[in-house]
PDB file of N, CA and C in Angstrom:
ATOM      1  N   UNK A   1       0.790  -1.302   0.298  1.00  0.00           N
ATOM      2  CA  UNK A   1      -0.492   0.306   0.055  1.00  0.00           C
ATOM      3  C   UNK A   1       0.974   1.606   0.238  1.00  0.00           C
ATOM      4  N   UNK A   2       0.484   2.208  -1.093  1.00  0.00           N
ATOM      5  CA  UNK A   2       1.528   3.123  -1.000  1.00  0.00           C
ATOM      6  C   UNK A   2       0.499   4.726   0.151  1.00  0.00           C
ATOM      7  N   UNK A   3       1.896   4.557   1.309  1.00  0.00           N
ATOM      8  CA  UNK A   3       1.358   6.007   2.180  1.00  0.00           C
ATOM      9  C   UNK A   3       0.646   7.212   1.601  1.00  0.00           C
ATOM     10  N   UNK A   4       0.604   7.258   0.477  1.00  0.00           N
ATOM     11  CA  UNK A   4       0.231   9.039   0.284  1.00  0.00           C
ATOM     12  C   UNK A   4      -0.384   8.768  -0.585  1.00  0.00           C
ATOM     13  N   UNK A   5      -1.913   7.602  -1.222  1.00  0.00           N
ATOM     14  CA  UNK A   5      -2.766   8.174  -1.575  1.00  0.00           C
ATOM     15  C   UNK A   5      -4.124   8.008  -0.276  1.00  0.00           C
ATOM     16  N   UNK A   6      -4.318   8.554  -0.056  1.00  0.00           N
ATOM     17  CA  UNK A   6      -5.186   8.807   1.203  1.00  0.00           C
ATOM     18  C   UNK A   6      -6.508   7.747   1.506  1.00  0.00           C
ATOM     19  N   UNK A   7      -6.973   7.112   2.362  1.00  0.00           N
ATOM     20  CA  UNK A   7      -7.733   5.994   2.533  1.00  0.00           C
ATOM     21  C   UNK A   7      -9.210   7.179   2.748  1.00  0.00           C
ATOM     22  N   UNK A   8      -9.848   6.765   1.870  1.00  0.00           N
ATOM     23  CA  UNK A   8     -10.918   7.765   1.287  1.00  0.00           C
ATOM     24  C   UNK A   8     -12.310   7.136   2.513  1.00  0.00           C
ATOM     25  N   UNK A   9     -11.770   5.681   3.140  1.00  0.00           N
ATOM     26  CA  UNK A   9     -12.894   4.971   3.760  1.00  0.00           C
ATOM     27  C   UNK A   9     -13.228   5.470   5.378  1.00  0.00           C
ATOM     28  N   UNK A  10     -11.749   5.952   5.789  1.00  0.00           N
ATOM     29  CA  UNK A  10     -11.205   6.561   6.955  1.00  0.00           C
ATOM     30  C   UNK A  10     -11.816   7.988   6.880  1.00  0.00           C
ATOM     31  N   UNK A  11     -11.813   8.579   6.200  1.00  0.00           N
ATOM     32  CA  UNK A  11     -12.724   9.727   6.233  1.00  0.00           C
ATOM     33  C   UNK A  11     -13.797  10.262   7.041  1.00  0.00           C
ATOM     34  N   UNK A  12     -14.452   9.095   6.796  1.00  0.00           N
ATOM     35  CA  UNK A  12     -15.878   9.318   6.415  1.00  0.00           C
ATOM     36  C   UNK A  12     -16.296   8.356   8.276  1.00  0.00           C
ATOM     37  N   UNK A  13     -15.395   7.575   8.168  1.00  0.00           N
ATOM     38  CA  UNK A  13     -15.563   6.929  10.030  1.00  0.00           C
ATOM     39  C   UNK A  13     -15.226   8.413  10.932  1.00  0.00           C
ATOM     40  N   UNK A  14     -14.463   9.250  10.340  1.00  0.00           N
ATOM     41  CA  UNK A  14     -13.758  10.075  11.497  1.00  0.00           C
ATOM     42  C   UNK A  14     -15.103  11.086  11.140  1.00  0.00           C
ATOM     43  N   UNK A  15     -15.799  11.620  10.040  1.00  0.00           N
ATOM     44  CA  UNK A  15     -16.689  11.834  10.018  1.00  0.00           C
ATOM     45  C   UNK A  15     -18.286  11.781  10.743  1.00  0.00           C
ATOM     46  N   UNK A  16     -17.758  10.323  11.388  1.00  0.00           N
ATOM     47  CA  UNK A  16     -18.823   9.844  11.870  1.00  0.00           C
ATOM     48  C   UNK A  16     -19.074  10.112  13.550  1.00  0.00           C
ATOM     49  N   UNK A  17     -17.345   9.559  13.778  1.00  0.00           N
ATOM     50  CA  UNK A  17     -16.811   9.916  14.926  1.00  0.00           C
ATOM     51  C   UNK A  17     -16.943  12.078  14.969  1.00  0.00           C
ATOM     52  N   UNK A  18     -16.514  12.654  14.507  1.00  0.00           N
ATOM     53  CA  UNK A  18     -16.592  13.779  14.734  1.00  0.00           C
ATOM     54  C   UNK A  18     -18.470  14.346  15.419  1.00  0.00           C
ATOM     55  N   UNK A  19     -19.358  13.533  14.706  1.00  0.00           N
ATOM     56  CA  UNK A  19     -20.530  13.724  14.835  1.00  0.00           C
ATOM     57  C   UNK A  19     -20.726  13.327  16.058  1.00  0.00           C
ATOM     58  N   UNK A  20     -20.053  12.274  16.713  1.00  0.00           N
ATOM     59  CA  UNK A  20     -20.711  11.780  18.067  1.00  0.00           C
ATOM     60  C   UNK A  20     -20.379  12.539  18.916  1.00  0.00           C
ATOM     61  N   UNK A  21     -18.973  13.319  18.876  1.00  0.00           N
ATOM     62  CA  UNK A  21     -18.354  13.757  20.026  1.00  0.00           C
ATOM     63  C   UNK A  21     -18.914  15.753  19.962  1.00  0.00           C
ATOM     64  N   UNK A  22     -19.410  15.552  19.113  1.00  0.00           N
ATOM     65  CA  UNK A  22     -19.429  16.751  18.204  1.00  0.00           C
ATOM     66  C   UNK A  22     -21.140  17.130  18.918  1.00  0.00           C
ATOM     67  N   UNK A  23     -22.142  16.112  19.260  1.00  0.00           N
ATOM     68  CA  UNK A  23     -23.424  16.125  19.831  1.00  0.00           C
ATOM     69  C   UNK A  23     -22.811  16.084  21.399  1.00  0.00           C
ATOM     70  N   UNK A  24     -21.665  15.303  22.136  1.00  0.00           N
ATOM     71  CA  UNK A  24     -21.834  14.852  23.201  1.00  0.00           C
ATOM     72  C   UNK A  24     -21.454  16.411  23.913  1.00  0.00           C
ATOM     73  N   UNK A  25     -20.472  17.281  23.512  1.00  0.00           N
ATOM     74  CA  UNK A  25     -20.110  18.312  23.645  1.00  0.00           C
ATOM     75  C   UNK A  25     -21.238  19.093  23.453  1.00  0.00           C
ATOM     76  N   UNK A  26     -22.304  19.814  22.648  1.00  0.00           N
ATOM     77  CA  UNK A  26     -23.008  20.212  22.559  1.00  0.00           C
ATOM     78  C   UNK A  26     -24.364  20.072  23.612  1.00  0.00           C
ATOM     79  N   UNK A  27     -24.219  18.050  24.121  1.00  0.00           N
ATOM     80  CA  UNK A  27     -25.193  18.805  25.529  1.00  0.00           C
ATOM     81  C   UNK A  27     -24.795  18.875  26.598  1.00  0.00           C
ATOM     82  N   UNK A  28     -23.593  18.758  26.676  1.00  0.00           N
ATOM     83  CA  UNK A  28     -22.622  19.351  27.533  1.00  0.00           C
ATOM     84  C   UNK A  28     -22.807  20.944  27.501  1.00  0.00           C
ATOM     85  N   UNK A  29     -22.515  21.468  26.421  1.00  0.00           N
ATOM     86  CA  UNK A  29     -22.842  22.767  26.883  1.00  0.00           C
ATOM     87  C   UNK A  29     -24.198  22.949  26.493  1.00  0.00           C
ATOM     88  N   UNK A  30     -25.218  22.474  26.440  1.00  0.00           N
ATOM     89  CA  UNK A  30     -26.374  23.134  26.621  1.00  0.00           C
ATOM     90  C   UNK A  30     -27.089  23.154  27.922  1.00  0.00           C
ATOM     91  N   UNK A  31     -26.135  22.298  28.584  1.00  0.00           N
ATOM     92  CA  UNK A  31     -26.875  22.411  30.094  1.00  0.00           C
ATOM     93  C   UNK A  31     -25.813  23.342  30.333  1.00  0.00           C
ATOM     94  N   UNK A  32     -25.149  23.732  30.199  1.00  0.00           N
ATOM     95  CA  UNK A  32     -24.039  24.733  31.712  1.00  0.00           C
ATOM     96  C   UNK A  32     -24.715  26.052  30.330  1.00  0.00           C
ATOM     97  N   UNK A  33     -25.286  26.288  29.815  1.00  0.00           N
ATOM     98  CA  UNK A  33     -26.108  27.286  28.949  1.00  0.00           C
ATOM     99  C   UNK A  33     -27.617  28.037  29.812  1.00  0.00           C
ATOM    100  N   UNK A  34     -27.724  26.134  29.771  1.00  0.00           N
ATOM    101  CA  UNK A  34     -29.211  26.682  31.131  1.00  0.00           C
ATOM    102  C   UNK A  34     -29.193  26.436  32.299  1.00  0.00           C
ATOM    103  N   UNK A  35     -27.760  25.988  32.652  1.00  0.00           N
ATOM    104  CA  UNK A  35     -27.208  26.701  34.451  1.00  0.00           C
ATOM    105  C   UNK A  35     -26.884  28.324  33.938  1.00  0.00           C
ATOM    106  N   UNK A  36     -26.125  29.023  32.921  1.00  0.00           N
ATOM    107  CA  UNK A  36     -26.077  29.507  32.676  1.00  0.00           C
ATOM    108  C   UNK A  36     -27.213  31.268  32.816  1.00  0.00           C
ATOM    109  N   UNK A  37     -28.084  30.545  31.801  1.00  0.00           N
ATOM    110  CA  UNK A  37     -29.065  31.367  32.410  1.00  0.00           C
ATOM    111  C   UNK A  37     -30.096  31.102  33.220  1.00  0.00           C
ATOM    112  N   UNK A  38     -30.446  30.717  34.440  1.00  0.00           N
ATOM    113  CA  UNK A  38     -30.726  30.411  34.980  1.00  0.00           C
ATOM    114  C   UNK A  38     -30.228  31.464  36.654  1.00  0.00           C
ATOM    115  N   UNK A  39     -28.285  32.009  36.563  1.00  0.00           N
ATOM    116  CA  UNK A  39     -27.826  32.371  36.984  1.00  0.00           C
ATOM    117  C   UNK A  39     -28.275  33.710  36.749  1.00  0.00           C
ATOM    118  N   UNK A  40     -28.375  34.269  35.431  1.00  0.00           N
ATOM    119  CA  UNK A  40     -28.730  34.935  34.915  1.00  0.00           C
ATOM    120  C   UNK A  40     -29.915  35.379  35.100  1.00  0.00           C
ATOM    121  N   UNK A  41     -31.415  35.030  35.246  1.00  0.00           N
ATOM    122  CA  UNK A  41     -32.392  35.083  35.863  1.00  0.00           C
ATOM    123  C   UNK A  41     -32.109  35.692  37.088  1.00  0.00           C
ATOM    124  N   UNK A  42     -31.804  34.942  37.927  1.00  0.00           N
ATOM    125  CA  UNK A  42     -31.413  35.304  39.322  1.00  0.00           C
ATOM    126  C   UNK A  42     -30.945  36.474  40.036  1.00  0.00           C
ATOM    127  N   UNK A  43     -29.637  36.770  38.907  1.00  0.00           N
ATOM    128  CA  UNK A  43     -28.682  38.278  39.103  1.00  0.00           C
ATOM    129  C   UNK A  43     -30.093  39.229  38.763  1.00  0.00           C
ATOM    130  N   UNK A  44     -31.051  39.226  37.611  1.00  0.00           N
ATOM    131  CA  UNK A  44     -31.531  40.324  36.785  1.00  0.00           C
ATOM    132  C   UNK A  44     -32.816  40.731  38.039  1.00  0.00           C
ATOM    133  N   UNK A  45     -33.253  39.324  38.678  1.00  0.00           N
ATOM    134  CA  UNK A  45     -34.384  39.199  40.246  1.00  0.00           C
ATOM    135  C   UNK A  45     -34.023  40.085  40.964  1.00  0.00           C
ATOM    136  N   UNK A  46     -32.176  40.021  41.026  1.00  0.00           N
ATOM    137  CA  UNK A  46     -31.774  40.700  42.544  1.00  0.00           C
ATOM    138  C   UNK A  46     -32.364  41.686  41.690  1.00  0.00           C
ATOM    139  N   UNK A  47     -30.767  42.155  40.880  1.00  0.00           N
ATOM    140  CA  UNK A  47     -31.243  43.708  40.551  1.00  0.00           C
ATOM    141  C   UNK A  47     -32.131  44.575  40.408  1.00  0.00           C
ATOM    142  N   UNK A  48     -33.232  43.624  40.391  1.00  0.00           N
ATOM    143  CA  UNK A  48     -34.263  44.663  39.715  1.00  0.00           C
ATOM    144  C   UNK A  48     -35.313  44.692  41.391  1.00  0.00           C
ATOM    145  N   UNK A  49     -35.031  43.779  42.138  1.00  0.00           N
ATOM    146  CA  UNK A  49     -35.840  43.641  44.004  1.00  0.00           C
ATOM    147  C   UNK A  49     -34.956  44.707  44.205  1.00  0.00           C
ATOM    148  N   UNK A  50     -33.418  44.335  44.358  1.00  0.00           N
ATOM    149  CA  UNK A  50     -32.882  45.275  45.114  1.00  0.00           C
ATOM    150  C   UNK A  50     -32.711  46.663  44.821  1.00  0.00           C
ATOM    151  N   UNK A  51     -33.226  47.088  43.328  1.00  0.00           N
ATOM    152  CA  UNK A  51     -33.013  48.676  42.928  1.00  0.00           C
ATOM    153  C   UNK A  51     -31.220  48.837  42.861  1.00  0.00           C
ATOM    154  N   UNK A  52     -31.026  47.253  42.431  1.00  0.00           N
ATOM    155  CA  UNK A  52     -29.480  47.390  41.395  1.00  0.00           C
ATOM    156  C   UNK A  52     -29.659  47.733  40.053  1.00  0.00           C
ATOM    157  N   UNK A  53     -29.753  48.848  39.005  1.00  0.00           N
ATOM    158  CA  UNK A  53     -29.620  47.969  37.878  1.00  0.00           C
ATOM    159  C   UNK A  53     -28.126  47.819  36.789  1.00  0.00           C
ATOM    160  N   UNK A  54     -26.903  48.369  38.032  1.00  0.00           N
ATOM    161  CA  UNK A  54     -25.805  47.033  36.998  1.00  0.00           C
ATOM    162  C   UNK A  54     -25.419  46.193  37.609  1.00  0.00           C
ATOM    163  N   UNK A  55     -26.477  45.323  38.442  1.00  0.00           N
ATOM    164  CA  UNK A  55     -26.664  44.278  38.473  1.00  0.00           C
ATOM    165  C   UNK A  55     -27.820  44.004  37.682  1.00  0.00           C
ATOM    166  N   UNK A  56     -29.327  44.022  37.837  1.00  0.00           N
ATOM    167  CA  UNK A  56     -29.945  43.999  36.199  1.00  0.00           C
ATOM    168  C   UNK A  56     -29.452  43.556  34.937  1.00  0.00           C
ATOM    169  N   UNK A  57     -28.344  45.004  35.080  1.00  0.00           N
ATOM    170  CA  UNK A  57     -27.967  44.622  33.383  1.00  0.00           C
ATOM    171  C   UNK A  57     -27.495  43.615  33.509  1.00  0.00           C
ATOM    172  N   UNK A  58     -26.473  43.037  34.259  1.00  0.00           N
ATOM    173  CA  UNK A  58     -24.966  41.952  33.771  1.00  0.00           C
ATOM    174  C   UNK A  58     -26.001  41.008  33.831  1.00  0.00           C
ATOM    175  N   UNK A  59     -27.170  40.522  34.264  1.00  0.00           N
ATOM    176  CA  UNK A  59     -28.021  39.538  34.193  1.00  0.00           C
ATOM    177  C   UNK A  59     -28.841  39.644  33.075  1.00  0.00           C
ATOM    178  N   UNK A  60     -29.247  40.666  32.760  1.00  0.00           N
ATOM    179  CA  UNK A  60     -30.290  40.319  31.208  1.00  0.00           C
ATOM    180  C   UNK A  60     -28.817  40.101  30.281  1.00  0.00           C
ATOM    181  N   UNK A  61     -27.871  40.898  30.004  1.00  0.00           N
ATOM    182  CA  UNK A  61     -26.618  40.359  29.130  1.00  0.00           C
ATOM    183  C   UNK A  61     -26.058  38.736  29.422  1.00  0.00           C
ATOM    184  N   UNK A  62     -26.584  37.966  30.382  1.00  0.00           N
ATOM    185  CA  UNK A  62     -25.984  36.682  30.971  1.00  0.00           C
ATOM    186  C   UNK A  62     -26.734  35.998  30.805  1.00  0.00           C
ATOM    187  N   UNK A  63     -28.196  36.443  30.147  1.00  0.00           N
ATOM    188  CA  UNK A  63     -29.174  35.622  29.325  1.00  0.00           C
ATOM    189  C   UNK A  63     -29.044  35.378  27.505  1.00  0.00           C
ATOM    190  N   UNK A  64     -28.221  36.514  27.506  1.00  0.00           N
ATOM    191  CA  UNK A  64     -28.584  37.153  26.327  1.00  0.00           C
ATOM    192  C   UNK A  64     -27.633  36.631  25.369  1.00  0.00           C
ATOM    193  N   UNK A  65     -26.377  35.521  26.252  1.00  0.00           N
ATOM    194  CA  UNK A  65     -24.967  35.784  26.150  1.00  0.00           C
ATOM    195  C   UNK A  65     -25.956  33.614  26.392  1.00  0.00           C
ATOM    196  N   UNK A  66     -26.495  33.760  27.162  1.00  0.00           N
ATOM    197  CA  UNK A  66     -26.690  31.566  26.893  1.00  0.00           C
ATOM    198  C   UNK A  66     -27.969  31.584  25.889  1.00  0.00           C
ATOM    199  N   UNK A  67     -28.383  32.772  25.153  1.00  0.00           N
ATOM    200  CA  UNK A  67     -29.255  32.350  24.604  1.00  0.00           C
ATOM    201  C   UNK A  67     -28.498  32.374  23.149  1.00  0.00           C
ATOM    202  N   UNK A  68     -27.430  32.893  22.722  1.00  0.00           N
ATOM    203  CA  UNK A  68     -26.636  32.871  21.394  1.00  0.00           C
ATOM    204  C   UNK A  68     -26.195  31.224  21.882  1.00  0.00           C
ATOM    205  N   UNK A  69     -25.894  31.047  23.020  1.00  0.00           N
ATOM    206  CA  UNK A  69     -24.770  29.630  23.148  1.00  0.00           C
ATOM    207  C   UNK A  69     -25.630  28.859  22.890  1.00  0.00           C
ATOM    208  N   UNK A  70     -27.156  28.855  23.202  1.00  0.00           N
ATOM    209  CA  UNK A  70     -28.496  27.790  22.705  1.00  0.00           C
ATOM    210  C   UNK A  70     -27.725  27.558  21.769  1.00  0.00           C
ATOM    211  N   UNK A  71     -28.033  29.119  20.953  1.00  0.00           N
ATOM    212  CA  UNK A  71     -28.218  28.485  19.054  1.00  0.00           C
ATOM    213  C   UNK A  71     -26.650  28.461  18.600  1.00  0.00           C
ATOM    214  N   UNK A  72     -25.726  28.318  19.491  1.00  0.00           N
ATOM    215  CA  UNK A  72     -24.800  27.941  18.483  1.00  0.00           C
ATOM    216  C   UNK A  72     -24.524  26.478  19.173  1.00  0.00           C
ATOM    217  N   UNK A  73     -24.777  26.092  19.848  1.00  0.00           N
ATOM    218  CA  UNK A  73     -24.624  24.273  20.435  1.00  0.00           C
ATOM    219  C   UNK A  73     -25.761  23.904  19.003  1.00  0.00           C
ATOM    220  N   UNK A  74     -26.850  24.747  19.522  1.00  0.00           N
ATOM    221  CA  UNK A  74     -27.825  23.690  18.111  1.00  0.00           C
ATOM    222  C   UNK A  74     -28.064  23.290  16.890  1.00  0.00           C
ATOM    223  N   UNK A  75     -26.478  24.449  16.256  1.00  0.00           N
ATOM    224  CA  UNK A  75     -26.527  24.039  15.589  1.00  0.00           C
ATOM    225  C   UNK A  75     -25.006  23.400  14.942  1.00  0.00           C
ATOM    226  N   UNK A  76     -24.742  23.187  15.895  1.00  0.00           N
ATOM    227  CA  UNK A  76     -23.369  22.188  16.301  1.00  0.00           C
ATOM    228  C   UNK A  76     -23.451  21.041  15.196  1.00  0.00           C
ATOM    229  N   UNK A  77     -24.702  19.690  15.435  1.00  0.00           N
ATOM    230  CA  UNK A  77     -23.414  18.658  14.995  1.00  0.00           C
ATOM    231  C   UNK A  77     -24.137  19.325  12.654  1.00  0.00           C
ATOM    232  N   UNK A  78     -25.020  20.494  12.927  1.00  0.00           N
ATOM    233  CA  UNK A  78     -25.245  20.425  11.143  1.00  0.00           C
ATOM    234  C   UNK A  78     -23.820  21.057  11.067  1.00  0.00           C
ATOM    235  N   UNK A  79     -22.817  21.576  11.314  1.00  0.00           N
ATOM    236  CA  UNK A  79     -21.746  22.537  11.418  1.00  0.00           C
ATOM    237  C   UNK A  79     -20.126  22.113  11.150  1.00  0.00           C
ATOM    238  N   UNK A  80     -20.907  20.406  12.332  1.00  0.00           N
ATOM    239  CA  UNK A  80     -19.747  19.089  12.365  1.00  0.00           C
ATOM    240  C   UNK A  80     -20.518  17.954  11.053  1.00  0.00           C
ATOM    241  N   UNK A  81     -21.178  18.133  10.591  1.00  0.00           N
ATOM    242  CA  UNK A  81     -22.093  16.899   9.229  1.00  0.00           C
ATOM    243  C   UNK A  81     -21.645  17.969   8.194  1.00  0.00           C
ATOM    244  N   UNK A  82     -21.662  19.507   8.006  1.00  0.00           N
ATOM    245  CA  UNK A  82     -21.435  20.216   6.571  1.00  0.00           C
ATOM    246  C   UNK A  82     -19.841  19.943   6.224  1.00  0.00           C
ATOM    247  N   UNK A  83     -19.248  20.111   8.082  1.00  0.00           N
ATOM    248  CA  UNK A  83     -17.823  20.121   7.452  1.00  0.00           C
ATOM    249  C   UNK A  83     -17.362  18.618   7.453  1.00  0.00           C
ATOM    250  N   UNK A  84     -17.998  17.381   7.754  1.00  0.00           N
ATOM    251  CA  UNK A  84     -17.911  16.661   7.499  1.00  0.00           C
ATOM    252  C   UNK A  84     -17.731  16.209   5.865  1.00  0.00           C
ATOM    253  N   UNK A  85     -18.557  16.405   5.682  1.00  0.00           N
ATOM    254  CA  UNK A  85     -19.018  16.666   4.312  1.00  0.00           C
ATOM    255  C   UNK A  85     -18.079  16.874   3.000  1.00  0.00           C
ATOM    256  N   UNK A  86     -17.644  18.054   3.375  1.00  0.00           N
ATOM    257  CA  UNK A  86     -16.911  19.445   2.619  1.00  0.00           C
ATOM    258  C   UNK A  86     -14.987  18.004   2.377  1.00  0.00           C
ATOM    259  N   UNK A  87     -14.965  18.025   3.639  1.00  0.00           N
ATOM    260  CA  UNK A  87     -13.573  17.130   3.122  1.00  0.00           C
ATOM    261  C   UNK A  87     -13.553  15.887   3.234  1.00  0.00           C
ATOM    262  N   UNK A  88     -15.074  14.996   2.960  1.00  0.00           N
ATOM    263  CA  UNK A  88     -14.821  14.010   2.242  1.00  0.00           C
ATOM    264  C   UNK A  88     -15.024  14.422   0.398  1.00  0.00           C
ATOM    265  N   UNK A  89     -15.306  15.572  -0.011  1.00  0.00           N
ATOM    266  CA  UNK A  89     -15.507  15.748  -1.536  1.00  0.00           C
ATOM    267  C   UNK A  89     -13.893  16.024  -1.313  1.00  0.00           C
ATOM    268  N   UNK A  90     -13.333  16.027  -0.706  1.00  0.00           N
ATOM    269  CA  UNK A  90     -12.308  17.485  -1.343  1.00  0.00           C
ATOM    270  C   UNK A  90     -11.088  15.693  -1.548  1.00  0.00           C
ATOM    271  N   UNK A  91     -11.006  14.680  -0.334  1.00  0.00           N
ATOM    272  CA  UNK A  91     -10.370  13.861  -0.815  1.00  0.00           C
ATOM    273  C   UNK A  91     -10.618  13.061  -1.334  1.00  0.00           C
ATOM    274  N   UNK A  92     -11.867  12.960  -2.071  1.00  0.00           N
ATOM    275  CA  UNK A  92     -12.958  11.611  -3.583  1.00  0.00           C
ATOM    276  C   UNK A  92     -12.172  12.330  -5.273  1.00  0.00           C
TER     277      UNK A  92
END
């Protein structure tokens, strides 16, 4: 076997592995996102109740960051699958 010829079967298996790993990472990130959103809600609530606008605004920013993170995590599998398809098409 010539070592300079790429094995295309390995790329398919690598793509499946990357999708599996990305799904696992996305699940962990979604759990962290929910925790961040809850912390942001608590900060926002305390900031409003205690008349501390800086704490309330930090809570709102935390919630917005958690929403953006959730959107990215939701699309992670699609991104990895798309890039995997591109890699397979490059090697064929």
